[in-house]
Amino acid sequence: TCSFVCSPKGFPKLKNDTFLRAARGEETEYTPVGGMRQAGRYLPEFRETRAAQDFFATCRSPKLCCELTLGGSITQGPLRRFPLDAAIIFSDILVVPQALGMEVVMVPGKGPTFTEPLKEVEDLLKLRQKVDVTAELGYVFQAITLTRHSLEGKVPLIGFSGAPWTLMSYMIEGGGSTTMAKAKSWLYRHPEASHQLLRLLADVITDYRGGQVAAGAQALQLFESHAGHLGPEQFQEFALPYIQAIAQAVKSKLKEEALPLVPMIVFGGDAHYVLRDLAHSGYEVVGLDWTIRPQEARAQAGKDVTLQGNLDPCALYAPKEKRGGLVKKMLEGFGTQRYIANLGHGLYPDMNPEHVGAFVEAVHAHSRHINKH
């Protein structure tokens, strides 16, 4: 159960390594379904657990994060209901700005909100310039260790972080935005200060990701969710260099500390315009949203990376007879190897759990059939 504190040593032996083998480009018997974002929030037991807690207080509770990773209930969560091939730790990308000293609260009906967003270049001086990730984010590491033990080797556990540009945009906008105009104005008006902030974030993210592996994470995902707000030139200057630097620095850090060289995933929201760059940025897996055709994604990314995605989440609302066909078409487009099936975004709260289960089972069944023929 999740009711005990345990050390990173002596993890249970992994029973299903299909996700990790696919991430590394090794042959698999079937196409795995990766750890789906918000994978528990469509379950009633998940919502019951969350309803009684402040969101970020929940993030700081290793026990609750463990329970929510498994779906809100140890016995009834998605990993017990459905044959998923990986789990992703329950947390939030905004714990990194919190570690830098910023206050973030979850406002009902609005979402995450910074009480004092960055407005002027001078505000950068308010941020911690050196962050002890163990002191500031140790609760995430404890949650990973606890969850890794609680999974009992059933599937691998994925740790994650937001990417620098995405975190920077939240820190300046103060929350969500349809235009990111405030954050983008920094890129045009204050390029040097923007790079200063992005470098600081990249350094913290590197340490954070190393700590996640030390705690037991078996794969790492980087979310550049706001890539679509940038054009090609801004992405090349303010996003891609830091995505690449994090990949290189994390791999060096893992080698230096004799930690496992876990596969790393990068996801760029609306980033099909730079897919070729992401495919050569040092990550084993590139996650895709649903706005690109599988064949086009494969042609741009090449054969040396694994692709993950990219069914439109709303496809799960379709009638049963149509859902199977959509899954089959997706698998035929990507191919069953060097591929991890997933949705092109997270699950929505009103998703029918039976439809989610049917999606996972359809991926497994159709990919096994394709592999046999």
Foldseek 3Di string as FASTA:
>chain_A
DLPDFDALPDFFAADFCQVQCQLQQHDDLFFAAEAFPVQQLQDPLLCVLPVVDFQQVCQLALSSQLCVQQRNHLCPRCVNVAVHAETETDHDQQLLVVQQPWDWGQDPPAGIFTPDADQDLVCSVVTDQDGDCCVSPVSSLRSLLSNSRSCNNHHAYEYEHEALLQNQLCRHVRHDDPQSVRSVVCCVPPVPSLVVSNVSSLVSVLVNVLSNQSSGHQEYEYEQAVQLNDDPVCCVPRPLVSLLVSLVSNQVVCVVVVTDPHAYEYEYHNVPVCLLSVLVSNGQEYEAEPPDFLQSSCVSNDDRHAYEDYAALCLLVDDPVVSLVVLLRNCVSNPGGSYHYYHNHHHDNNRDPVSVNSSSVSSRVSRSVVVVD
